[in-house]
Amino acid sequence: VQLVESGGALAQPGGSLRLSCVASGFTFSTHDMRWCRQVPGKEHELVASITSTSSRANYIASVKGRFTISRDNDKNTLYLQMDDLKVEDTAIYYCSGPRYLPIFATWGQGTQVTVSA
């Protein structure tokens, strides 16, 4: 299993970023997927999740209305559109499948998002 995140950058408050995650080594189209984030010294936090068919997406309260998770099963790619960024969104962002599955036991390298004026 390989999950390669990209798209992180330095952004100003109120700005936008689009994260991508290219998946390989498993059948992407049959797995629910998620974006998580981590700040130094804290546990990974689930930010958003999406079902395998994109029928349903869920978000934590702090990003609801600002972030949009999506996927393209033909491209084996997961996305996170991040709008109206806030300083507290600063973190390393990771994509993953359900963490109870052994194939998703290891995190990828993540992508750094820094929101600062």
PDB file of N, CA and C in Angstrom:
ATOM      1  N   VAL A   1       0.846  -1.194   0.000  1.00  0.00           N
ATOM      2  CA  VAL A   1       0.000   0.000   0.000  1.00  0.00           C
ATOM      3  C   VAL A   1       0.879   1.240   0.000  1.00  0.00           C
ATOM      4  N   GLN A   2       0.562   2.158  -0.903  1.00  0.00           N
ATOM      5  CA  GLN A   2       1.281   3.426  -0.923  1.00  0.00           C
ATOM      6  C   GLN A   2       0.276   4.559  -1.063  1.00  0.00           C
ATOM      7  N   LEU A   3       0.408   5.544  -0.190  1.00  0.00           N
ATOM      8  CA  LEU A   3      -0.429   6.734  -0.212  1.00  0.00           C
ATOM      9  C   LEU A   3       0.500   7.932  -0.267  1.00  0.00           C
ATOM     10  N   VAL A   4       0.408   8.701  -1.345  1.00  0.00           N
ATOM     11  CA  VAL A   4       1.317   9.829  -1.546  1.00  0.00           C
ATOM     12  C   VAL A   4       0.512  11.122  -1.561  1.00  0.00           C
ATOM     13  N   GLU A   5       0.684  11.883  -0.492  1.00  0.00           N
ATOM     14  CA  GLU A   5      -0.031  13.149  -0.348  1.00  0.00           C
ATOM     15  C   GLU A   5       0.770  14.295  -0.952  1.00  0.00           C
ATOM     16  N   SER A   6       0.065  15.289  -1.457  1.00  0.00           N
ATOM     17  CA  SER A   6       0.706  16.478  -2.010  1.00  0.00           C
ATOM     18  C   SER A   6      -0.262  17.646  -1.963  1.00  0.00           C
ATOM     19  N   GLY A   7       0.266  18.828  -2.230  1.00  0.00           N
ATOM     20  CA  GLY A   7      -0.574  20.011  -2.296  1.00  0.00           C
ATOM     21  C   GLY A   7      -0.466  20.941  -1.104  1.00  0.00           C
ATOM     22  N   GLY A   8       0.201  20.501  -0.072  1.00  0.00           N
ATOM     23  CA  GLY A   8       0.376  21.361   1.082  1.00  0.00           C
ATOM     24  C   GLY A   8       1.291  22.538   0.763  1.00  0.00           C
ATOM     25  N   ALA A   9       1.065  23.647   1.462  1.00  0.00           N
ATOM     26  CA  ALA A   9       1.851  24.850   1.217  1.00  0.00           C
ATOM     27  C   ALA A   9       1.607  25.844   2.333  1.00  0.00           C
ATOM     28  N   LEU A  10       2.255  26.975   2.226  1.00  0.00           N
ATOM     29  CA  LEU A  10       2.002  28.108   3.110  1.00  0.00           C
ATOM     30  C   LEU A  10       0.860  28.919   2.507  1.00  0.00           C
ATOM     31  N   ALA A  11      -0.153  29.176   3.298  1.00  0.00           N
ATOM     32  CA  ALA A  11      -1.304  29.938   2.835  1.00  0.00           C
ATOM     33  C   ALA A  11      -1.668  30.993   3.862  1.00  0.00           C
ATOM     34  N   GLN A  12      -2.319  32.032   3.406  1.00  0.00           N
ATOM     35  CA  GLN A  12      -2.778  33.075   4.315  1.00  0.00           C
ATOM     36  C   GLN A  12      -4.154  32.722   4.873  1.00  0.00           C
ATOM     37  N   PRO A  13      -4.485  33.217   6.035  1.00  0.00           N
ATOM     38  CA  PRO A  13      -5.848  33.023   6.544  1.00  0.00           C
ATOM     39  C   PRO A  13      -6.865  33.499   5.519  1.00  0.00           C
ATOM     40  N   GLY A  14      -7.909  32.695   5.334  1.00  0.00           N
ATOM     41  CA  GLY A  14      -8.905  32.993   4.321  1.00  0.00           C
ATOM     42  C   GLY A  14      -8.587  32.428   2.957  1.00  0.00           C
ATOM     43  N   GLY A  15      -7.407  31.902   2.795  1.00  0.00           N
ATOM     44  CA  GLY A  15      -6.996  31.346   1.512  1.00  0.00           C
ATOM     45  C   GLY A  15      -7.489  29.935   1.299  1.00  0.00           C
ATOM     46  N   SER A  16      -7.054  29.348   0.186  1.00  0.00           N
ATOM     47  CA  SER A  16      -7.489  28.005  -0.199  1.00  0.00           C
ATOM     48  C   SER A  16      -6.303  27.151  -0.618  1.00  0.00           C
ATOM     49  N   LEU A  17      -6.445  25.870  -0.385  1.00  0.00           N
ATOM     50  CA  LEU A  17      -5.500  24.873  -0.869  1.00  0.00           C
ATOM     51  C   LEU A  17      -6.282  23.637  -1.287  1.00  0.00           C
ATOM     52  N   ARG A  18      -5.704  22.874  -2.203  1.00  0.00           N
ATOM     53  CA  ARG A  18      -6.296  21.597  -2.587  1.00  0.00           C
ATOM     54  C   ARG A  18      -5.248  20.506  -2.407  1.00  0.00           C
ATOM     55  N   LEU A  19      -5.536  19.579  -1.519  1.00  0.00           N
ATOM     56  CA  LEU A  19      -4.649  18.447  -1.275  1.00  0.00           C
ATOM     57  C   LEU A  19      -5.055  17.266  -2.148  1.00  0.00           C
ATOM     58  N   SER A  20      -4.059  16.491  -2.548  1.00  0.00           N
ATOM     59  CA  SER A  20      -4.296  15.268  -3.323  1.00  0.00           C
ATOM     60  C   SER A  20      -3.594  14.102  -2.653  1.00  0.00           C
ATOM     61  N   CYS A  21      -4.123  12.930  -2.853  1.00  0.00           N
ATOM     62  CA  CYS A  21      -3.519  11.709  -2.348  1.00  0.00           C
ATOM     63  C   CYS A  21      -3.675  10.631  -3.404  1.00  0.00           C
ATOM     64  N   VAL A  22      -2.558  10.196  -3.951  1.00  0.00           N
ATOM     65  CA  VAL A  22      -2.579   9.140  -4.960  1.00  0.00           C
ATOM     66  C   VAL A  22      -2.333   7.808  -4.279  1.00  0.00           C
ATOM     67  N   ALA A  23      -3.228   6.878  -4.499  1.00  0.00           N
ATOM     68  CA  ALA A  23      -3.171   5.576  -3.832  1.00  0.00           C
ATOM     69  C   ALA A  23      -2.751   4.474  -4.791  1.00  0.00           C
ATOM     70  N   SER A  24      -2.035   3.507  -4.267  1.00  0.00           N
ATOM     71  CA  SER A  24      -1.651   2.341  -5.055  1.00  0.00           C
ATOM     72  C   SER A  24      -1.445   1.158  -4.127  1.00  0.00           C
ATOM     73  N   GLY A  25      -1.463  -0.038  -4.701  1.00  0.00           N
ATOM     74  CA  GLY A  25      -1.206  -1.247  -3.920  1.00  0.00           C
ATOM     75  C   GLY A  25      -2.431  -1.879  -3.299  1.00  0.00           C
ATOM     76  N   PHE A  26      -3.593  -1.300  -3.539  1.00  0.00           N
ATOM     77  CA  PHE A  26      -4.839  -1.880  -3.045  1.00  0.00           C
ATOM     78  C   PHE A  26      -5.967  -1.387  -3.959  1.00  0.00           C
ATOM     79  N   THR A  27      -7.132  -1.973  -3.786  1.00  0.00           N
ATOM     80  CA  THR A  27      -8.273  -1.604  -4.623  1.00  0.00           C
ATOM     81  C   THR A  27      -8.936  -0.361  -4.046  1.00  0.00           C
ATOM     82  N   PHE A  28      -8.479   0.774  -4.521  1.00  0.00           N
ATOM     83  CA  PHE A  28      -8.912   2.069  -3.976  1.00  0.00           C
ATOM     84  C   PHE A  28     -10.434   2.215  -4.013  1.00  0.00           C
ATOM     85  N   SER A  29     -11.047   1.791  -5.103  1.00  0.00           N
ATOM     86  CA  SER A  29     -12.470   2.054  -5.320  1.00  0.00           C
ATOM     87  C   SER A  29     -13.383   1.312  -4.358  1.00  0.00           C
ATOM     88  N   THR A  30     -12.855   0.363  -3.604  1.00  0.00           N
ATOM     89  CA  THR A  30     -13.694  -0.412  -2.696  1.00  0.00           C
ATOM     90  C   THR A  30     -13.517  -0.009  -1.234  1.00  0.00           C
ATOM     91  N   HIS A  31     -12.709   0.997  -0.986  1.00  0.00           N
ATOM     92  CA  HIS A  31     -12.443   1.403   0.396  1.00  0.00           C
ATOM     93  C   HIS A  31     -12.932   2.815   0.698  1.00  0.00           C
ATOM     94  N   ASP A  32     -13.600   2.954   1.846  1.00  0.00           N
ATOM     95  CA  ASP A  32     -13.818   4.292   2.383  1.00  0.00           C
ATOM     96  C   ASP A  32     -12.452   4.911   2.648  1.00  0.00           C
ATOM     97  N   MET A  33     -12.362   6.234   2.502  1.00  0.00           N
ATOM     98  CA  MET A  33     -11.082   6.908   2.712  1.00  0.00           C
ATOM     99  C   MET A  33     -11.282   8.125   3.616  1.00  0.00           C
ATOM    100  N   ARG A  34     -10.198   8.645   4.104  1.00  0.00           N
ATOM    101  CA  ARG A  34     -10.278   9.769   5.046  1.00  0.00           C
ATOM    102  C   ARG A  34      -9.035  10.642   4.960  1.00  0.00           C
ATOM    103  N   TRP A  35      -9.196  11.843   5.392  1.00  0.00           N
ATOM    104  CA  TRP A  35      -8.076  12.753   5.638  1.00  0.00           C
ATOM    105  C   TRP A  35      -7.955  12.960   7.142  1.00  0.00           C
ATOM    106  N   CYS A  36      -6.731  12.891   7.622  1.00  0.00           N
ATOM    107  CA  CYS A  36      -6.433  13.142   9.018  1.00  0.00           C
ATOM    108  C   CYS A  36      -5.344  14.207   9.071  1.00  0.00           C
ATOM    109  N   ARG A  37      -5.159  14.802  10.226  1.00  0.00           N
ATOM    110  CA  ARG A  37      -4.091  15.785  10.389  1.00  0.00           C
ATOM    111  C   ARG A  37      -3.454  15.629  11.749  1.00  0.00           C
ATOM    112  N   GLN A  38      -2.228  16.085  11.818  1.00  0.00           N
ATOM    113  CA  GLN A  38      -1.489  15.978  13.074  1.00  0.00           C
ATOM    114  C   GLN A  38      -0.655  17.225  13.285  1.00  0.00           C
ATOM    115  N   VAL A  39      -0.694  17.735  14.500  1.00  0.00           N
ATOM    116  CA  VAL A  39       0.205  18.810  14.909  1.00  0.00           C
ATOM    117  C   VAL A  39       1.201  18.211  15.890  1.00  0.00           C
ATOM    118  N   PRO A  40       2.387  18.785  15.987  1.00  0.00           N
ATOM    119  CA  PRO A  40       3.411  18.203  16.862  1.00  0.00           C
ATOM    120  C   PRO A  40       2.914  18.006  18.285  1.00  0.00           C
ATOM    121  N   GLY A  41       3.169  16.829  18.809  1.00  0.00           N
ATOM    122  CA  GLY A  41       2.806  16.546  20.188  1.00  0.00           C
ATOM    123  C   GLY A  41       1.389  16.075  20.395  1.00  0.00           C
ATOM    124  N   LYS A  42       0.626  15.965  19.304  1.00  0.00           N
ATOM    125  CA  LYS A  42      -0.763  15.522  19.433  1.00  0.00           C
ATOM    126  C   LYS A  42      -1.028  14.309  18.550  1.00  0.00           C
ATOM    127  N   GLU A  43      -2.126  13.637  18.856  1.00  0.00           N
ATOM    128  CA  GLU A  43      -2.518  12.478  18.065  1.00  0.00           C
ATOM    129  C   GLU A  43      -3.076  12.929  16.708  1.00  0.00           C
ATOM    130  N   HIS A  44      -3.098  11.989  15.781  1.00  0.00           N
ATOM    131  CA  HIS A  44      -3.761  12.272  14.514  1.00  0.00           C
ATOM    132  C   HIS A  44      -5.243  12.561  14.755  1.00  0.00           C
ATOM    133  N   GLU A  45      -5.763  13.523  14.039  1.00  0.00           N
ATOM    134  CA  GLU A  45      -7.169  13.910  14.156  1.00  0.00           C
ATOM    135  C   GLU A  45      -7.868  13.636  12.834  1.00  0.00           C
ATOM    136  N   LEU A  46      -8.974  12.912  12.898  1.00  0.00           N
ATOM    137  CA  LEU A  46      -9.760  12.670  11.695  1.00  0.00           C
ATOM    138  C   LEU A  46     -10.443  13.969  11.276  1.00  0.00           C
ATOM    139  N   VAL A  47     -10.249  14.373  10.041  1.00  0.00           N
ATOM    140  CA  VAL A  47     -10.802  15.631   9.549  1.00  0.00           C
ATOM    141  C   VAL A  47     -12.049  15.393   8.694  1.00  0.00           C
ATOM    142  N   ALA A  48     -11.959  14.459   7.778  1.00  0.00           N
ATOM    143  CA  ALA A  48     -13.066  14.203   6.859  1.00  0.00           C
ATOM    144  C   ALA A  48     -12.965  12.781   6.345  1.00  0.00           C
ATOM    145  N   SER A  49     -14.106  12.204   6.023  1.00  0.00           N
ATOM    146  CA  SER A  49     -14.129  10.860   5.466  1.00  0.00           C
ATOM    147  C   SER A  49     -15.141  10.805   4.339  1.00  0.00           C
ATOM    148  N   ILE A  50     -14.958   9.822   3.460  1.00  0.00           N
ATOM    149  CA  ILE A  50     -15.846   9.663   2.316  1.00  0.00           C
ATOM    150  C   ILE A  50     -16.004   8.181   2.029  1.00  0.00           C
ATOM    151  N   THR A  51     -17.200   7.790   1.665  1.00  0.00           N
ATOM    152  CA  THR A  51     -17.447   6.388   1.355  1.00  0.00           C
ATOM    153  C   THR A  51     -16.823   6.021   0.007  1.00  0.00           C
ATOM    154  N   SER A  52     -16.751   4.731  -0.255  1.00  0.00           N
ATOM    155  CA  SER A  52     -16.079   4.251  -1.465  1.00  0.00           C
ATOM    156  C   SER A  52     -16.731   4.764  -2.751  1.00  0.00           C
ATOM    157  N   THR A  53     -18.040   4.968  -2.701  1.00  0.00           N
ATOM    158  CA  THR A  53     -18.769   5.419  -3.893  1.00  0.00           C
ATOM    159  C   THR A  53     -19.062   6.918  -3.875  1.00  0.00           C
ATOM    160  N   SER A  54     -18.515   7.614  -2.895  1.00  0.00           N
ATOM    161  CA  SER A  54     -18.759   9.060  -2.729  1.00  0.00           C
ATOM    162  C   SER A  54     -20.205   9.361  -2.353  1.00  0.00           C
ATOM    163  N   SER A  55     -20.919   8.365  -1.854  1.00  0.00           N
ATOM    164  CA  SER A  55     -22.326   8.588  -1.509  1.00  0.00           C
ATOM    165  C   SER A  55     -22.493   9.430  -0.254  1.00  0.00           C
ATOM    166  N   ARG A  56     -21.487   9.421   0.588  1.00  0.00           N
ATOM    167  CA  ARG A  56     -21.596  10.161   1.835  1.00  0.00           C
ATOM    168  C   ARG A  56     -20.228  10.663   2.272  1.00  0.00           C
ATOM    169  N   ALA A  57     -20.219  11.880   2.799  1.00  0.00           N
ATOM    170  CA  ALA A  57     -18.997  12.466   3.357  1.00  0.00           C
ATOM    171  C   ALA A  57     -19.303  13.016   4.731  1.00  0.00           C
ATOM    172  N   ASN A  58     -18.330  12.936   5.603  1.00  0.00           N
ATOM    173  CA  ASN A  58     -18.484  13.453   6.962  1.00  0.00           C
ATOM    174  C   ASN A  58     -17.299  14.339   7.311  1.00  0.00           C
ATOM    175  N   TYR A  59     -17.552  15.311   8.165  1.00  0.00           N
ATOM    176  CA  TYR A  59     -16.522  16.278   8.544  1.00  0.00           C
ATOM    177  C   TYR A  59     -16.580  16.536  10.038  1.00  0.00           C
ATOM    178  N   ILE A  60     -15.439  16.890  10.605  1.00  0.00           N
ATOM    179  CA  ILE A  60     -15.474  17.372  11.971  1.00  0.00           C
ATOM    180  C   ILE A  60     -16.058  18.780  11.972  1.00  0.00           C
ATOM    181  N   ALA A  61     -16.579  19.170  13.100  1.00  0.00           N
ATOM    182  CA  ALA A  61     -17.323  20.426  13.183  1.00  0.00           C
ATOM    183  C   ALA A  61     -16.470  21.630  12.774  1.00  0.00           C
ATOM    184  N   SER A  62     -15.199  21.608  13.113  1.00  0.00           N
ATOM    185  CA  SER A  62     -14.357  22.784  12.887  1.00  0.00           C
ATOM    186  C   SER A  62     -14.049  23.048  11.411  1.00  0.00           C
ATOM    187  N   VAL A  63     -14.268  22.061  10.545  1.00  0.00           N
ATOM    188  CA  VAL A  63     -13.982  22.274   9.124  1.00  0.00           C
ATOM    189  C   VAL A  63     -15.243  22.204   8.271  1.00  0.00           C
ATOM    190  N   LYS A  64     -16.352  21.847   8.863  1.00  0.00           N
ATOM    191  CA  LYS A  64     -17.597  21.714   8.097  1.00  0.00           C
ATOM    192  C   LYS A  64     -17.950  23.046   7.453  1.00  0.00           C
ATOM    193  N   GLY A  65     -18.273  23.011   6.170  1.00  0.00           N
ATOM    194  CA  GLY A  65     -18.590  24.229   5.438  1.00  0.00           C
ATOM    195  C   GLY A  65     -17.388  24.907   4.827  1.00  0.00           C
ATOM    196  N   ARG A  66     -16.186  24.471   5.210  1.00  0.00           N
ATOM    197  CA  ARG A  66     -14.959  25.057   4.665  1.00  0.00           C
ATOM    198  C   ARG A  66     -14.156  24.046   3.837  1.00  0.00           C
ATOM    199  N   PHE A  67     -14.187  22.797   4.240  1.00  0.00           N
ATOM    200  CA  PHE A  67     -13.429  21.739   3.549  1.00  0.00           C
ATOM    201  C   PHE A  67     -14.399  20.841   2.785  1.00  0.00           C
ATOM    202  N   THR A  68     -13.929  20.315   1.661  1.00  0.00           N
ATOM    203  CA  THR A  68     -14.704  19.363   0.878  1.00  0.00           C
ATOM    204  C   THR A  68     -13.822  18.180   0.489  1.00  0.00           C
ATOM    205  N   ILE A  69     -14.221  16.996   0.893  1.00  0.00           N
ATOM    206  CA  ILE A  69     -13.496  15.777   0.515  1.00  0.00           C
ATOM    207  C   ILE A  69     -14.153  15.200  -0.728  1.00  0.00           C
ATOM    208  N   SER A  70     -13.333  14.697  -1.632  1.00  0.00           N
ATOM    209  CA  SER A  70     -13.843  14.057  -2.841  1.00  0.00           C
ATOM    210  C   SER A  70     -12.844  13.013  -3.309  1.00  0.00           C
ATOM    211  N   ARG A  71     -13.244  12.249  -4.292  1.00  0.00           N
ATOM    212  CA  ARG A  71     -12.367  11.205  -4.800  1.00  0.00           C
ATOM    213  C   ARG A  71     -12.647  10.951  -6.268  1.00  0.00           C
ATOM    214  N   ASP A  72     -11.643  10.443  -6.950  1.00  0.00           N
ATOM    215  CA  ASP A  72     -11.781  10.017  -8.340  1.00  0.00           C
ATOM    216  C   ASP A  72     -11.287   8.576  -8.393  1.00  0.00           C
ATOM    217  N   ASN A  73     -12.204   7.648  -8.411  1.00  0.00           N
ATOM    218  CA  ASN A  73     -11.821   6.240  -8.378  1.00  0.00           C
ATOM    219  C   ASN A  73     -11.104   5.793  -9.649  1.00  0.00           C
ATOM    220  N   ASP A  74     -11.338   6.486 -10.748  1.00  0.00           N
ATOM    221  CA  ASP A  74     -10.642   6.137 -11.991  1.00  0.00           C
ATOM    222  C   ASP A  74      -9.162   6.518 -11.905  1.00  0.00           C
ATOM    223  N   LYS A  75      -8.867   7.532 -11.107  1.00  0.00           N
ATOM    224  CA  LYS A  75      -7.490   8.003 -10.957  1.00  0.00           C
ATOM    225  C   LYS A  75      -6.857   7.556  -9.643  1.00  0.00           C
ATOM    226  N   ASN A  76      -7.597   6.757  -8.863  1.00  0.00           N
ATOM    227  CA  ASN A  76      -7.090   6.310  -7.551  1.00  0.00           C
ATOM    228  C   ASN A  76      -6.603   7.494  -6.708  1.00  0.00           C
ATOM    229  N   THR A  77      -7.378   8.548  -6.707  1.00  0.00           N
ATOM    230  CA  THR A  77      -6.942   9.775  -6.044  1.00  0.00           C
ATOM    231  C   THR A  77      -8.024  10.319  -5.130  1.00  0.00           C
ATOM    232  N   LEU A  78      -7.598  10.729  -3.952  1.00  0.00           N
ATOM    233  CA  LEU A  78      -8.438  11.363  -2.944  1.00  0.00           C
ATOM    234  C   LEU A  78      -8.051  12.840  -2.873  1.00  0.00           C
ATOM    235  N   TYR A  79      -9.046  13.698  -2.683  1.00  0.00           N
ATOM    236  CA  TYR A  79      -8.808  15.138  -2.635  1.00  0.00           C
ATOM    237  C   TYR A  79      -9.370  15.746  -1.347  1.00  0.00           C
ATOM    238  N   LEU A  80      -8.805  16.884  -0.987  1.00  0.00           N
ATOM    239  CA  LEU A  80      -9.373  17.695   0.082  1.00  0.00           C
ATOM    240  C   LEU A  80      -9.263  19.157  -0.339  1.00  0.00           C
ATOM    241  N   GLN A  81     -10.399  19.749  -0.686  1.00  0.00           N
ATOM    242  CA  GLN A  81     -10.445  21.174  -0.996  1.00  0.00           C
ATOM    243  C   GLN A  81     -10.612  21.932   0.321  1.00  0.00           C
ATOM    244  N   MET A  82      -9.690  22.813   0.584  1.00  0.00           N
ATOM    245  CA  MET A  82      -9.677  23.546   1.844  1.00  0.00           C
ATOM    246  C   MET A  82      -9.864  25.028   1.543  1.00  0.00           C
ATOM    247  N   ASP A  83     -10.972  25.580   1.941  1.00  0.00           N
ATOM    248  CA  ASP A  83     -11.280  26.993   1.729  1.00  0.00           C
ATOM    249  C   ASP A  83     -11.381  27.715   3.065  1.00  0.00           C
ATOM    250  N   ASP A  84     -11.272  29.049   3.006  1.00  0.00           N
ATOM    251  CA  ASP A  84     -11.372  29.866   4.212  1.00  0.00           C
ATOM    252  C   ASP A  84     -10.469  29.323   5.315  1.00  0.00           C
ATOM    253  N   LEU A  85      -9.225  29.096   4.952  1.00  0.00           N
ATOM    254  CA  LEU A  85      -8.279  28.496   5.890  1.00  0.00           C
ATOM    255  C   LEU A  85      -8.085  29.365   7.119  1.00  0.00           C
ATOM    256  N   LYS A  86      -7.875  28.694   8.236  1.00  0.00           N
ATOM    257  CA  LYS A  86      -7.640  29.348   9.518  1.00  0.00           C
ATOM    258  C   LYS A  86      -6.283  28.916  10.061  1.00  0.00           C
ATOM    259  N   VAL A  87      -5.716  29.731  10.922  1.00  0.00           N
ATOM    260  CA  VAL A  87      -4.417  29.416  11.511  1.00  0.00           C
ATOM    261  C   VAL A  87      -4.447  28.042  12.177  1.00  0.00           C
ATOM    262  N   GLU A  88      -5.563  27.703  12.788  1.00  0.00           N
ATOM    263  CA  GLU A  88      -5.670  26.421  13.497  1.00  0.00           C
ATOM    264  C   GLU A  88      -5.750  25.214  12.562  1.00  0.00           C
ATOM    265  N   ASP A  89      -5.795  25.457  11.246  1.00  0.00           N
ATOM    266  CA  ASP A  89      -5.738  24.343  10.287  1.00  0.00           C
ATOM    267  C   ASP A  89      -4.296  23.911  10.027  1.00  0.00           C
ATOM    268  N   THR A  90      -3.346  24.643  10.558  1.00  0.00           N
ATOM    269  CA  THR A  90      -1.942  24.296  10.380  1.00  0.00           C
ATOM    270  C   THR A  90      -1.649  22.917  10.956  1.00  0.00           C
ATOM    271  N   ALA A  91      -1.125  22.029  10.106  1.00  0.00           N
ATOM    272  CA  ALA A  91      -0.855  20.649  10.514  1.00  0.00           C
ATOM    273  C   ALA A  91      -0.232  19.914   9.337  1.00  0.00           C
ATOM    274  N   ILE A  92       0.222  18.709   9.601  1.00  0.00           N
ATOM    275  CA  ILE A  92       0.574  17.783   8.524  1.00  0.00           C
ATOM    276  C   ILE A  92      -0.680  16.969   8.213  1.00  0.00           C
ATOM    277  N   TYR A  93      -1.053  16.912   6.953  1.00  0.00           N
ATOM    278  CA  TYR A  93      -2.263  16.219   6.536  1.00  0.00           C
ATOM    279  C   TYR A  93      -1.899  14.882   5.885  1.00  0.00           C
ATOM    280  N   TYR A  94      -2.645  13.861   6.293  1.00  0.00           N
ATOM    281  CA  TYR A  94      -2.434  12.510   5.804  1.00  0.00           C
ATOM    282  C   TYR A  94      -3.733  11.933   5.253  1.00  0.00           C
ATOM    283  N   CYS A  95      -3.619  11.108   4.233  1.00  0.00           N
ATOM    284  CA  CYS A  95      -4.791  10.346   3.818  1.00  0.00           C
ATOM    285  C   CYS A  95      -4.626   8.910   4.305  1.00  0.00           C
ATOM    286  N   SER A  96      -5.731   8.249   4.459  1.00  0.00           N
ATOM    287  CA  SER A  96      -5.707   6.878   4.939  1.00  0.00           C
ATOM    288  C   SER A  96      -7.025   6.201   4.625  1.00  0.00           C
ATOM    289  N   GLY A  97      -7.011   4.873   4.739  1.00  0.00           N
ATOM    290  CA  GLY A  97      -8.248   4.122   4.763  1.00  0.00           C
ATOM    291  C   GLY A  97      -8.623   3.860   6.211  1.00  0.00           C
ATOM    292  N   PRO A  98      -9.599   3.012   6.445  1.00  0.00           N
ATOM    293  CA  PRO A  98      -9.999   2.684   7.809  1.00  0.00           C
ATOM    294  C   PRO A  98      -8.821   2.143   8.607  1.00  0.00           C
ATOM    295  N   ARG A  99      -8.558   2.730   9.742  1.00  0.00           N
ATOM    296  CA  ARG A  99      -7.331   2.427  10.477  1.00  0.00           C
ATOM    297  C   ARG A  99      -7.343   1.040  11.106  1.00  0.00           C
ATOM    298  N   TYR A 100      -8.535   0.420  11.192  1.00  0.00           N
ATOM    299  CA  TYR A 100      -8.579  -0.921  11.764  1.00  0.00           C
ATOM    300  C   TYR A 100      -8.105  -1.978  10.777  1.00  0.00           C
ATOM    301  N   LEU A 101      -7.943  -1.601   9.506  1.00  0.00           N
ATOM    302  CA  LEU A 101      -7.442  -2.538   8.504  1.00  0.00           C
ATOM    303  C   LEU A 101      -5.914  -2.544   8.538  1.00  0.00           C
ATOM    304  N   PRO A 102      -5.297  -3.711   8.632  1.00  0.00           N
ATOM    305  CA  PRO A 102      -3.830  -3.773   8.720  1.00  0.00           C
ATOM    306  C   PRO A 102      -3.101  -3.098   7.569  1.00  0.00           C
ATOM    307  N   ILE A 103      -3.705  -3.074   6.380  1.00  0.00           N
ATOM    308  CA  ILE A 103      -3.013  -2.465   5.239  1.00  0.00           C
ATOM    309  C   ILE A 103      -2.840  -0.963   5.419  1.00  0.00           C
ATOM    310  N   PHE A 104      -3.600  -0.369   6.314  1.00  0.00           N
ATOM    311  CA  PHE A 104      -3.500   1.073   6.555  1.00  0.00           C
ATOM    312  C   PHE A 104      -2.823   1.374   7.891  1.00  0.00           C
ATOM    313  N   ALA A 105      -2.049   0.437   8.378  1.00  0.00           N
ATOM    314  CA  ALA A 105      -1.415   0.619   9.686  1.00  0.00           C
ATOM    315  C   ALA A 105      -0.314   1.673   9.662  1.00  0.00           C
ATOM    316  N   THR A 106       0.275   1.913   8.512  1.00  0.00           N
ATOM    317  CA  THR A 106       1.393   2.860   8.418  1.00  0.00           C
ATOM    318  C   THR A 106       0.957   4.131   7.699  1.00  0.00           C
ATOM    319  N   TRP A 107       1.301   5.260   8.259  1.00  0.00           N
ATOM    320  CA  TRP A 107       1.002   6.546   7.633  1.00  0.00           C
ATOM    321  C   TRP A 107       1.976   6.826   6.482  1.00  0.00           C
ATOM    322  N   GLY A 108       1.515   7.588   5.503  1.00  0.00           N
ATOM    323  CA  GLY A 108       2.398   8.082   4.459  1.00  0.00           C
ATOM    324  C   GLY A 108       3.245   9.221   4.975  1.00  0.00           C
ATOM    325  N   GLN A 109       3.861   9.955   4.055  1.00  0.00           N
ATOM    326  CA  GLN A 109       4.749  11.049   4.493  1.00  0.00           C
ATOM    327  C   GLN A 109       3.973  12.307   4.845  1.00  0.00           C
ATOM    328  N   GLY A 110       2.728  12.375   4.408  1.00  0.00           N
ATOM    329  CA  GLY A 110       1.897  13.545   4.692  1.00  0.00           C
ATOM    330  C   GLY A 110       2.309  14.757   3.875  1.00  0.00           C
ATOM    331  N   THR A 111       1.521  15.812   4.007  1.00  0.00           N
ATOM    332  CA  THR A 111       1.830  17.069   3.333  1.00  0.00           C
ATOM    333  C   THR A 111       1.566  18.205   4.308  1.00  0.00           C
ATOM    334  N   GLN A 112       2.516  19.119   4.417  1.00  0.00           N
ATOM    335  CA  GLN A 112       2.460  20.187   5.416  1.00  0.00           C
ATOM    336  C   GLN A 112       1.590  21.342   4.939  1.00  0.00           C
ATOM    337  N   VAL A 113       0.631  21.693   5.749  1.00  0.00           N
ATOM    338  CA  VAL A 113      -0.193  22.883   5.521  1.00  0.00           C
ATOM    339  C   VAL A 113       0.109  23.873   6.632  1.00  0.00           C
ATOM    340  N   THR A 114       0.526  25.057   6.248  1.00  0.00           N
ATOM    341  CA  THR A 114       0.811  26.118   7.209  1.00  0.00           C
ATOM    342  C   THR A 114      -0.027  27.331   6.849  1.00  0.00           C
ATOM    343  N   VAL A 115      -0.829  27.773   7.795  1.00  0.00           N
ATOM    344  CA  VAL A 115      -1.674  28.943   7.585  1.00  0.00           C
ATOM    345  C   VAL A 115      -1.169  30.058   8.492  1.00  0.00           C
ATOM    346  N   SER A 116      -0.694  31.101   7.856  1.00  0.00           N
ATOM    347  CA  SER A 116      -0.087  32.187   8.620  1.00  0.00           C
ATOM    348  C   SER A 116      -0.147  33.472   7.816  1.00  0.00           C
ATOM    349  N   ALA A 117      -0.328  34.577   8.550  1.00  0.00           N
ATOM    350  CA  ALA A 117      -0.321  35.873   7.884  1.00  0.00           C
ATOM    351  C   ALA A 117       1.112  36.347   7.669  1.00  0.00           C
TER     352      ALA A 117
END
